[in-house]
Protein backbone atom coordinates (compact mmCIF):
# COMPACT_ATOMS: atom_id res chain seq x y z
CA UNK A 1 44.57 -42.07 1.28
CA UNK A 2 45.11 -41.37 -2.29
CA UNK A 3 47.69 -44.22 -2.83
CA UNK A 4 50.26 -46.31 -1.00
CA UNK A 5 53.07 -48.65 -1.78
CA UNK A 6 55.90 -50.55 -0.06
CA UNK A 7 59.50 -51.30 -1.31
CA UNK A 8 59.98 -53.99 1.41
CA UNK A 9 57.68 -55.64 4.02
CA UNK A 10 56.24 -53.66 6.86
CA UNK A 11 57.38 -50.22 5.64
CA UNK A 12 54.66 -48.15 3.87
CA UNK A 13 54.87 -45.02 1.84
CA UNK A 14 51.65 -43.08 1.00
CA UNK A 15 50.23 -39.88 -0.39
CA UNK A 16 47.19 -37.97 0.63
CA UNK A 17 47.03 -39.39 4.14
CA UNK A 18 44.05 -38.81 6.28
CA UNK A 19 43.23 -40.55 9.60
CA UNK A 20 41.03 -39.65 12.48
CA UNK A 21 39.68 -41.12 15.68
CA UNK A 22 38.16 -40.38 19.09
CA UNK A 23 38.81 -41.12 22.69
CA UNK A 24 36.25 -41.11 25.47
CA UNK A 25 36.50 -37.23 25.66
CA UNK A 26 38.26 -36.09 22.42
CA UNK A 27 38.06 -36.24 18.71
CA UNK A 28 41.06 -35.82 16.32
CA UNK A 29 42.17 -35.81 12.73
CA UNK A 30 45.63 -36.05 11.14
CA UNK A 31 46.29 -35.16 7.44
CA UNK A 32 49.59 -35.15 5.52
CA UNK A 33 50.42 -34.73 1.88
CA UNK A 34 52.75 -37.64 2.05
CA UNK A 35 54.35 -39.96 4.55
CA UNK A 36 56.16 -43.15 5.46
CA UNK A 37 56.59 -45.51 8.29
CA UNK A 38 57.70 -48.99 9.49
CA UNK A 39 55.46 -51.12 11.77
CA UNK A 40 56.55 -54.01 13.94
CA UNK A 41 54.12 -56.84 13.79
CA UNK A 42 55.15 -59.01 16.84
CA UNK A 43 54.32 -56.38 19.46
CA UNK A 44 50.81 -56.21 18.23
CA UNK A 45 50.16 -59.51 19.93
CA UNK A 46 50.93 -57.81 23.11
CA UNK A 47 48.69 -54.75 22.25
CA UNK A 48 51.64 -52.59 21.48
CA UNK A 49 51.61 -50.53 18.35
CA UNK A 50 55.30 -49.72 17.41
CA UNK A 51 55.94 -47.54 14.38
CA UNK A 52 59.38 -46.22 13.57
CA UNK A 53 61.18 -44.08 10.91
CA UNK A 54 58.08 -42.00 10.44
CA UNK A 55 58.25 -39.23 7.85
CA UNK A 56 55.40 -36.74 7.13
CA UNK A 57 55.13 -33.78 4.86
CA UNK A 58 52.72 -30.84 5.28
CA UNK A 59 50.99 -31.94 8.42
CA UNK A 60 47.57 -30.58 9.44
CA UNK A 61 46.26 -31.62 12.96
CA UNK A 62 42.85 -31.01 14.39
CA UNK A 63 41.35 -31.79 17.85
CA UNK A 64 38.07 -30.86 19.53
CA UNK A 65 36.36 -32.01 22.74
CA UNK A 66 33.35 -34.18 23.02
CA UNK A 67 30.47 -32.55 24.91
CA UNK A 68 30.46 -32.65 28.67
CA UNK A 69 27.03 -32.48 30.20
CA UNK A 70 27.95 -29.69 32.72
CA UNK A 71 29.62 -27.40 30.11
CA UNK A 72 27.99 -24.84 27.77
CA UNK A 73 29.86 -24.84 24.44
CA UNK A 74 27.47 -22.47 22.65
CA UNK A 75 30.05 -19.47 22.59
CA UNK A 76 32.83 -21.68 21.18
CA UNK A 77 31.11 -24.32 19.02
CA UNK A 78 31.36 -22.25 15.85
CA UNK A 79 35.08 -22.04 16.25
CA UNK A 80 35.78 -25.75 16.69
CA UNK A 81 37.42 -27.63 13.74
CA UNK A 82 35.49 -29.86 11.57
CA UNK A 83 36.55 -33.57 11.46
CA UNK A 84 35.89 -35.78 8.45
CA UNK A 85 33.02 -38.03 8.90
CA UNK A 86 32.44 -37.24 12.47
CA UNK A 87 29.80 -35.31 14.40
CA UNK A 88 30.47 -33.95 17.88
CA UNK A 89 28.99 -36.38 20.43
CA UNK A 90 28.88 -36.38 24.12
CA UNK A 91 31.69 -37.81 26.23
CA UNK A 92 31.63 -41.49 26.92
CA UNK A 93 30.75 -41.99 30.63
CA UNK A 94 30.20 -45.52 30.71
CA UNK A 95 32.13 -47.74 33.11
CA UNK A 96 35.37 -49.05 31.56
CA UNK A 97 35.64 -52.73 31.25
CA UNK A 98 38.60 -54.27 32.76
CA UNK A 99 40.80 -54.77 29.68
CA UNK A 100 44.51 -54.39 29.01
CA UNK A 101 45.16 -50.84 27.34
CA UNK A 102 46.89 -50.42 23.97
CA UNK A 103 50.22 -48.89 23.93
CA UNK A 104 51.27 -46.64 21.04
CA UNK A 105 54.92 -46.14 20.49
CA UNK A 106 55.92 -43.69 17.72
CA UNK A 107 59.65 -43.46 17.09
CA UNK A 108 61.90 -41.23 15.04
CA UNK A 109 59.10 -39.07 13.72
CA UNK A 110 60.09 -36.35 11.30
CA UNK A 111 57.68 -33.64 9.97
CA UNK A 112 58.72 -31.08 7.35
CA UNK A 113 57.00 -28.65 4.97
CA UNK A 114 53.97 -26.49 5.54
CA UNK A 115 51.94 -27.31 8.62
CA UNK A 116 48.77 -26.28 10.41
CA UNK A 117 46.91 -26.96 13.63
CA UNK A 118 43.27 -26.23 14.86
CA UNK A 119 42.92 -27.42 18.51
CA UNK A 120 39.61 -26.45 20.13
CA UNK A 121 39.20 -22.75 19.26
CA UNK A 122 42.85 -22.09 18.60
CA UNK A 123 44.12 -21.99 14.96
CA UNK A 124 47.54 -21.44 13.50
CA UNK A 125 50.24 -22.54 11.00
CA UNK A 126 53.95 -22.69 10.44
CA UNK A 127 56.68 -24.04 8.28
CA UNK A 128 59.84 -26.05 8.93
CA UNK A 129 61.00 -29.37 10.54
CA UNK A 130 60.93 -31.16 13.79
CA UNK A 131 61.76 -34.65 15.07
CA UNK A 132 59.81 -36.46 17.93
CA UNK A 133 59.17 -39.56 19.83
CA UNK A 134 55.60 -40.17 21.27
CA UNK A 135 54.14 -42.67 23.68
CA UNK A 136 50.36 -42.97 24.40
CA UNK A 137 48.54 -45.58 26.50
CA UNK A 138 44.83 -45.89 25.99
CA UNK A 139 42.15 -46.05 28.68
CA UNK A 140 43.43 -42.98 30.45
CA UNK A 141 47.10 -44.21 30.68
CA UNK A 142 50.38 -42.38 30.55
CA UNK A 143 51.55 -39.94 27.93
CA UNK A 144 54.99 -38.67 27.05
CA UNK A 145 56.60 -36.58 24.27
CA UNK A 146 60.19 -35.87 23.22
CA UNK A 147 60.28 -33.26 20.42
CA UNK A 148 63.77 -32.19 19.21
CA UNK A 149 65.59 -30.52 16.31
CA UNK A 150 62.65 -28.08 16.11
CA UNK A 151 63.17 -25.49 13.56
CA UNK A 152 59.81 -23.77 12.74
CA UNK A 153 58.80 -20.36 11.48
CA UNK A 154 55.35 -19.83 12.94
CA UNK A 155 52.58 -17.90 11.18
CA UNK A 156 49.82 -15.99 13.06
CA UNK A 157 47.59 -17.91 15.40
CA UNK A 158 44.11 -16.95 16.51
CA UNK A 159 41.57 -17.59 19.20
CA UNK A 160 38.01 -17.80 18.00
CA UNK A 161 39.12 -17.04 14.50
CA UNK A 162 39.72 -13.22 15.04
CA UNK A 163 41.53 -12.70 18.24
CA UNK A 164 45.27 -12.81 17.52
CA UNK A 165 47.19 -15.10 20.07
CA UNK A 166 50.56 -14.23 18.28
CA UNK A 167 51.67 -12.73 15.11
CA UNK A 168 54.29 -15.34 14.39
CA UNK A 169 58.05 -15.82 14.67
CA UNK A 170 60.80 -18.56 15.14
CA UNK A 171 60.97 -21.46 17.44
CA UNK A 172 64.15 -23.50 17.59
CA UNK A 173 65.22 -26.26 20.06
CA UNK A 174 63.45 -28.98 22.00
CA UNK A 175 60.53 -29.59 24.28
CA UNK A 176 58.36 -32.36 25.67
CA UNK A 177 56.77 -34.03 28.60
CA UNK A 178 58.00 -36.88 30.83
CA UNK A 179 55.44 -39.65 31.29
CA UNK A 180 52.41 -38.46 33.08
CA UNK A 181 48.55 -39.16 33.14
CA UNK A 182 46.73 -36.23 31.50
CA UNK A 183 43.39 -36.81 33.19
CA UNK A 184 45.12 -36.50 36.60
CA UNK A 185 47.27 -33.49 35.72
CA UNK A 186 45.46 -30.79 33.81
CA UNK A 187 46.34 -27.24 33.28
CA UNK A 188 49.22 -26.04 35.42
CA UNK A 189 49.52 -29.39 37.02
CA UNK A 190 51.34 -30.52 33.84
CA UNK A 191 54.17 -28.11 34.34
CA UNK A 192 56.41 -30.36 36.62
CA UNK A 193 56.39 -32.92 33.68
CA UNK A 194 57.31 -30.47 30.96
CA UNK A 195 60.76 -29.80 29.69
CA UNK A 196 61.94 -27.18 27.23
CA UNK A 197 65.16 -25.76 25.89
CA UNK A 198 64.17 -23.43 23.16
CA UNK A 199 65.14 -20.24 21.37
CA UNK A 200 62.17 -17.93 20.77
CA UNK A 201 61.54 -14.90 18.59
CA UNK A 202 57.90 -14.35 18.64
CA UNK A 203 55.57 -11.51 18.62
CA UNK A 204 52.61 -12.41 20.93
CA UNK A 205 49.28 -11.01 21.67
CA UNK A 206 49.44 -11.75 25.32
CA UNK A 207 52.33 -11.79 27.76
CA UNK A 208 50.23 -13.63 30.34
CA UNK A 209 52.57 -16.68 30.19
CA UNK A 210 55.18 -14.74 32.13
CA UNK A 211 53.03 -14.95 35.23
CA UNK A 212 54.42 -18.44 35.38
CA UNK A 213 57.64 -16.84 36.54
CA UNK A 214 56.15 -14.42 39.07
CA UNK A 215 54.43 -16.87 41.44
CA UNK A 216 57.16 -16.38 44.03
CA UNK A 217 56.38 -12.62 44.13
CA UNK A 218 52.88 -13.05 45.41
CA UNK A 219 50.24 -10.56 44.26
CA UNK A 220 51.84 -9.58 40.91
CA UNK A 221 50.13 -9.97 37.60
CA UNK A 222 51.62 -9.07 34.18
CA UNK A 223 49.75 -8.42 30.99
CA UNK A 224 50.38 -6.81 27.67
CA UNK A 225 51.43 -7.66 24.12
CA UNK A 226 54.92 -7.52 22.45
CA UNK A 227 57.99 -9.34 21.17
CA UNK A 228 59.50 -12.20 23.06
CA UNK A 229 63.04 -13.11 22.27
CA UNK A 230 65.73 -15.26 23.80
CA UNK A 231 66.31 -18.76 25.30
CA UNK A 232 64.07 -20.53 27.73
CA UNK A 233 65.43 -23.65 29.58
CA UNK A 234 63.10 -25.38 32.12
CA UNK A 235 62.26 -28.85 33.41
CA UNK A 236 60.50 -30.54 36.25
CA UNK A 237 58.87 -27.16 37.20
CA UNK A 238 62.16 -25.36 37.59
CA UNK A 239 64.05 -22.76 35.47
CA UNK A 240 67.54 -23.84 34.60
CA UNK A 241 70.92 -22.35 33.73
CA UNK A 242 71.10 -20.55 30.31
CA UNK A 243 67.65 -18.97 30.45
CA UNK A 244 67.79 -15.46 29.11
CA UNK A 245 64.73 -14.01 27.32
CA UNK A 246 62.94 -10.69 27.23
CA UNK A 247 59.67 -9.22 26.31
CA UNK A 248 59.42 -5.81 24.92
CA UNK A 249 56.23 -3.96 24.71
CA UNK A 250 54.56 -0.48 24.22
CA UNK A 251 51.67 -1.62 26.57
CA UNK A 252 53.17 -3.32 29.54
CA UNK A 253 50.77 -3.59 32.49
CA UNK A 254 51.79 -4.90 35.93
CA UNK A 255 49.29 -5.15 38.78
CA UNK A 256 50.90 -5.11 42.25
CA UNK A 257 48.29 -5.59 44.99
CA UNK A 258 45.97 -2.55 44.46
CA UNK A 259 48.17 -0.65 42.23
CA UNK A 260 47.98 -0.69 38.37
CA UNK A 261 51.16 0.23 36.49
CA UNK A 262 51.08 0.71 32.81
CA UNK A 263 53.38 2.08 30.08
CA UNK A 264 56.30 1.23 27.84
CA UNK A 265 58.85 -1.29 29.07
CA UNK A 266 60.89 -4.49 29.02
CA UNK A 267 60.57 -7.66 31.09
CA UNK A 268 63.62 -9.82 31.32
CA UNK A 269 63.75 -13.39 32.85
CA UNK A 270 67.18 -15.05 33.34
CA UNK A 271 69.40 -17.38 35.19
CA UNK A 272 73.19 -17.45 35.35
CA UNK A 273 74.99 -19.23 32.52
CA UNK A 274 76.35 -21.96 34.67
CA UNK A 275 73.84 -22.21 37.49
CA UNK A 276 70.12 -22.68 37.94
CA UNK A 277 69.51 -20.02 40.45
CA UNK A 278 68.96 -17.39 41.44
CA UNK A 279 66.31 -16.75 38.85
CA UNK A 280 66.01 -13.04 37.90
CA UNK A 281 62.87 -11.18 36.82
CA UNK A 282 63.45 -7.56 35.87
CA UNK A 283 60.62 -5.18 34.99
CA UNK A 284 62.08 -1.96 33.52
CA UNK A 285 59.71 0.99 32.50
CA UNK A 286 60.99 3.93 30.56
CA UNK A 287 57.60 5.57 30.56
CA UNK A 288 54.74 4.87 32.98
CA UNK A 289 51.66 5.86 34.81
CA UNK A 290 50.23 4.44 38.01
CA UNK A 291 46.63 4.37 39.12
CA UNK A 292 44.69 2.42 41.66
CA UNK A 293 43.16 -0.76 40.46
CA UNK A 294 39.63 -0.05 39.02
CA UNK A 295 40.31 3.73 38.78
CA UNK A 296 40.87 5.42 35.37
CA UNK A 297 42.72 8.57 36.69
CA UNK A 298 46.51 8.10 37.22
CA UNK A 299 48.04 9.61 40.38
CA UNK A 300 51.69 9.11 39.34
CA UNK A 301 53.65 9.32 36.14
CA UNK A 302 57.42 9.01 35.38
CA UNK A 303 60.11 7.97 32.99
CA UNK A 304 61.97 5.29 35.08
CA UNK A 305 60.71 2.47 37.27
CA UNK A 306 62.69 -0.73 37.93
CA UNK A 307 61.57 -3.81 39.78
CA UNK A 308 64.13 -6.51 40.13
CA UNK A 309 63.55 -9.93 41.71
CA UNK A 310 66.20 -12.50 42.51
CA UNK A 311 65.30 -15.78 44.18
CA UNK A 312 63.92 -19.28 43.68
CA UNK A 313 63.87 -20.78 40.29
CA UNK A 314 60.75 -22.81 41.01
CA UNK A 315 57.98 -21.93 38.50
CA UNK A 316 55.47 -24.76 39.08
CA UNK A 317 53.94 -23.88 42.40
CA UNK A 318 50.88 -25.85 43.54
CA UNK A 319 48.10 -24.47 41.45
CA UNK A 320 45.56 -25.24 44.15
CA UNK A 321 47.39 -23.19 46.78
CA UNK A 322 46.23 -19.60 47.62
CA UNK A 323 48.55 -16.74 48.17
CA UNK A 324 47.68 -16.81 51.84
CA UNK A 325 48.65 -20.51 52.00
CA UNK A 326 51.77 -19.96 50.08
CA UNK A 327 52.83 -17.36 52.69
CA UNK A 328 52.62 -19.89 55.48
CA UNK A 329 53.72 -23.04 53.60
CA UNK A 330 57.02 -24.26 55.12
CA UNK A 331 58.47 -25.20 51.64
CA UNK A 332 57.55 -21.73 50.20
CA UNK A 333 59.03 -20.00 53.38
CA UNK A 334 62.33 -21.92 52.76
CA UNK A 335 62.42 -20.91 49.09
CA UNK A 336 61.97 -17.21 49.97
CA UNK A 337 64.89 -17.17 52.34
CA UNK A 338 67.19 -16.30 49.53
CA UNK A 339 64.71 -14.06 47.75
CA UNK A 340 65.17 -10.26 47.13
CA UNK A 341 63.18 -7.63 45.50
CA UNK A 342 64.57 -4.16 44.58
CA UNK A 343 62.39 -1.12 43.62
CA UNK A 344 64.06 1.85 42.09
CA UNK A 345 61.99 4.93 40.94
CA UNK A 346 63.76 8.07 39.51
CA UNK A 347 62.24 11.54 39.30
CA UNK A 348 58.60 10.40 39.09
CA UNK A 349 55.73 12.87 39.64
CA UNK A 350 52.95 12.40 42.14
CA UNK A 351 50.10 14.23 40.26
CA UNK A 352 47.86 14.69 43.24
CA UNK A 353 48.91 14.44 46.90
CA UNK A 354 45.31 13.59 47.86
CA UNK A 355 46.08 10.06 46.86
CA UNK A 356 47.81 9.60 50.28
CA UNK A 357 44.40 10.00 51.96
CA UNK A 358 43.62 6.32 50.99
CA UNK A 359 46.17 5.19 53.56
CA UNK A 360 45.04 7.46 56.41
CA UNK A 361 42.83 6.10 59.24
CA UNK A 362 39.17 6.99 58.62
CA UNK A 363 38.81 9.12 61.83
CA UNK A 364 41.92 11.22 60.85
CA UNK A 365 40.98 14.99 61.09
CA UNK A 366 43.90 15.86 58.66
CA UNK A 367 43.83 15.10 55.00
CA UNK A 368 45.56 16.14 51.78
CA UNK A 369 43.45 18.17 49.31
CA UNK A 370 45.98 18.71 46.42
CA UNK A 371 49.30 19.55 45.09
CA UNK A 372 51.97 17.61 43.39
CA UNK A 373 55.40 16.27 44.31
CA UNK A 374 58.59 14.64 42.85
CA UNK A 375 59.21 11.06 44.05
CA UNK A 376 62.56 9.16 44.25
CA UNK A 377 62.88 5.74 45.76
CA UNK A 378 65.46 2.95 46.19
CA UNK A 379 64.04 0.12 48.40
CA UNK A 380 65.44 -3.34 49.01
CA UNK A 381 62.91 -6.22 50.31
CA UNK A 382 64.39 -9.37 51.53
CA UNK A 383 62.62 -12.31 53.02
CA UNK A 384 63.01 -11.03 56.63
CA UNK A 385 64.35 -7.53 56.22
CA UNK A 386 64.20 -4.34 54.25
CA UNK A 387 66.07 -1.12 53.79
CA UNK A 388 66.26 1.89 51.49
CA UNK A 389 65.05 5.41 51.05
CA UNK A 390 62.08 7.30 49.74
CA UNK A 391 62.29 11.02 48.92
CA UNK A 392 59.23 13.13 48.34
CA UNK A 393 59.55 16.82 47.41
CA UNK A 394 56.54 19.23 46.85
CA UNK A 395 56.30 22.86 46.27
CA UNK A 396 52.60 23.20 46.59
CA UNK A 397 51.15 20.58 48.93
CA UNK A 398 47.74 21.38 50.15
CA UNK A 399 46.05 20.09 53.30
CA UNK A 400 42.96 20.55 55.46
CA UNK A 401 42.55 20.23 59.25
CA UNK A 402 38.98 20.62 60.41
CA UNK A 403 37.85 23.74 58.48
CA UNK A 404 41.27 25.17 57.80
CA UNK A 405 43.23 25.10 54.77
CA UNK A 406 47.14 24.88 54.61
CA UNK A 407 49.52 25.18 51.85
CA UNK A 408 53.30 24.58 52.14
CA UNK A 409 56.48 23.28 50.53
CA UNK A 410 57.21 19.82 51.91
CA UNK A 411 60.30 17.67 51.77
CA UNK A 412 60.07 14.12 53.13
CA UNK A 413 63.12 12.08 53.53
CA UNK A 414 62.17 8.57 54.66
CA UNK A 415 64.97 6.28 55.81
CA UNK A 416 64.09 2.55 55.94
CA UNK A 417 66.48 0.94 58.42
CA UNK A 418 64.74 -2.45 58.62
CA UNK A 419 61.46 -4.28 58.94
CA UNK A 420 59.36 -7.22 58.01
CA UNK A 421 58.26 -7.15 54.40
CA UNK A 422 55.42 -9.73 54.70
CA UNK A 423 53.83 -7.54 57.38
CA UNK A 424 54.50 -4.23 55.54
CA UNK A 425 56.11 -3.12 58.72
CA UNK A 426 59.08 -0.87 58.55
CA UNK A 427 61.53 0.91 60.96
CA UNK A 428 61.88 4.43 59.67
CA UNK A 429 63.89 5.91 62.51
CA UNK A 430 66.07 8.74 61.28
CA UNK A 431 63.62 9.98 58.77
CA UNK A 432 62.73 13.72 58.55
CA UNK A 433 59.97 16.00 57.35
CA UNK A 434 60.68 19.70 56.46
CA UNK A 435 57.92 22.19 55.86
CA UNK A 436 58.40 25.80 54.92
CA UNK A 437 56.64 28.68 53.15
CA UNK A 438 53.44 27.79 55.04
CA UNK A 439 50.15 29.60 54.69
CA UNK A 440 47.13 29.07 57.06
CA UNK A 441 43.67 30.13 55.91
CA UNK A 442 40.93 29.78 58.66
CA UNK A 443 37.75 31.42 59.82
CA UNK A 444 39.54 33.61 62.43
CA UNK A 445 43.13 33.78 61.67
CA UNK A 446 45.40 33.52 58.64
CA UNK A 447 49.17 33.37 58.25
CA UNK A 448 51.41 33.61 55.22
CA UNK A 449 55.12 33.58 55.79
CA UNK A 450 57.85 32.53 53.18
CA UNK A 451 60.48 32.56 55.92
CA UNK A 452 58.72 30.17 58.19
CA UNK A 453 59.98 26.53 58.42
CA UNK A 454 59.51 23.48 60.62
CA UNK A 455 61.62 20.36 60.82
CA UNK A 456 60.30 17.10 62.24
CA UNK A 457 62.93 14.48 62.94
CA UNK A 458 61.94 10.93 63.82
CA UNK A 459 64.30 9.63 66.49
CA UNK A 460 62.43 6.33 66.80
CA UNK A 461 59.64 5.35 64.41
CA UNK A 462 57.81 2.22 63.18
CA UNK A 463 54.84 1.96 60.81
CA UNK A 464 52.65 -0.59 59.13
CA UNK A 465 52.29 0.80 55.60
CA UNK A 466 49.06 -0.60 54.37
CA UNK A 467 45.53 0.42 54.70
CA UNK A 468 44.87 1.74 57.28
CA UNK A 469 48.20 3.15 58.20
CA UNK A 470 49.54 2.41 61.64
CA UNK A 471 52.32 4.52 63.06
CA UNK A 472 54.15 5.13 66.30
CA UNK A 473 57.19 7.46 66.81
CA UNK A 474 59.29 9.65 68.97
CA UNK A 475 60.36 12.84 67.39
CA UNK A 476 62.07 16.21 67.75
CA UNK A 477 60.31 19.35 66.31
CA UNK A 478 62.08 22.44 65.52
CA UNK A 479 60.07 25.62 64.30
CA UNK A 480 61.40 28.99 63.28
CA UNK A 481 58.26 30.77 64.40
CA UNK A 482 55.10 29.79 66.36
CA UNK A 483 52.69 32.18 64.70
CA UNK A 484 51.16 29.58 62.20
CA UNK A 485 50.59 27.23 65.13
CA UNK A 486 48.89 30.00 67.03
CA UNK A 487 46.68 30.78 64.02
CA UNK A 488 45.86 27.16 63.69
CA UNK A 489 44.77 26.88 67.38
CA UNK A 490 42.83 30.11 67.23
CA UNK A 491 40.91 28.89 64.22
CA UNK A 492 39.99 25.75 66.17
CA UNK A 493 38.99 27.70 69.23
CA UNK A 494 41.41 25.55 71.15
CA UNK A 495 44.40 27.61 72.23
CA UNK A 496 47.48 25.98 73.55
CA UNK A 497 47.96 26.01 77.31
């Protein structure tokens, strides 16, 4: 501390402030160019530190962990902050003596000016003002924070000094934590205690935080980088009325089960202005490709895909619960009763029809060998029902059956009348499959007729549309000519009776 003075008892003004300390598992340091505060003496008798009217200019805060014996810090140690006069030492694992903890109550804190932080291996800066109240109880006790009147312009923040976490932007509003015990509630377990009502305008290096709002969707993971703008209102693990923010990115990646969707798009998260639910999550692509997870070659591309979720506003699911457990958990089932998911695809292109072979049973003698198709889809998935349509139109689909090659125009009109989304089971009665311009190329016979056509109409049909495909149906088949069928049987050496 450079110098300090007091105009009246128990209120101190100072310049060049620097204080540091350590707990059993952390070390910290706080510096400020100037500050002031009033301390109450009487509460000290009861091990309560009460400081009010705190003012601080140009705050720099640093924090790093003490070493745990079961952790390897070699890859991060160089990126931890230095703390004046302290070496990094192991955590204190000694048995705590039974003593009454100290309680620290900091009231009416106001920070202004140019600020910086360096917490573990994350480093950043910003400028502006904020007010806050803070409560800390030593010896592993409760912690609470109420930050308000936040008006900050953030600069870039980095992980490990060179990986950009965000480029910067504006944060305005309030945030904090209701009283909780940090050592008992780590990571996502802190969410039910957090509260936030903040306007954001940030360019971020990762959109991973949006996965907090997709937990009710199951196997959906979002990544990418872009601009996040709008209002976020949440507390006690729930999204609240007035939330409306979006993330715009040139590199939006969404993994849905085994499908990897990437391209240019916008994600919007919102609630009604005057109600907490339903929460909405909209994923809108205006340019995209889809591949299977782990494969580099795309099998579908398009200019329009929309995925719209409406349902529970709960965002703090039990972090220790697996997807399988969530599907059978009674509280999760109750939340999903009002959930709905809409998928809309317009004029997409299936680049290679052989992708459909992935879903065929392994002993299937029939397979797709090539060709492309146009795809349109409009599907609704509720908690216990589904409906919609999928249209597939190909002018050059190629197939093989045993040693025979087929080529044809194909138009599939799949009508989804109902089903059970969680089981991927759908009633597709009323669907149809039209084939024309068929050519057959086999060892003994060939056929090529532009005039030939066949229409398969599914009068009753149900399928389980996951690998392997399961399907049962009653159908009517109409053909304009039996010659391609005769050629097919001749090539197999198995003529029809």
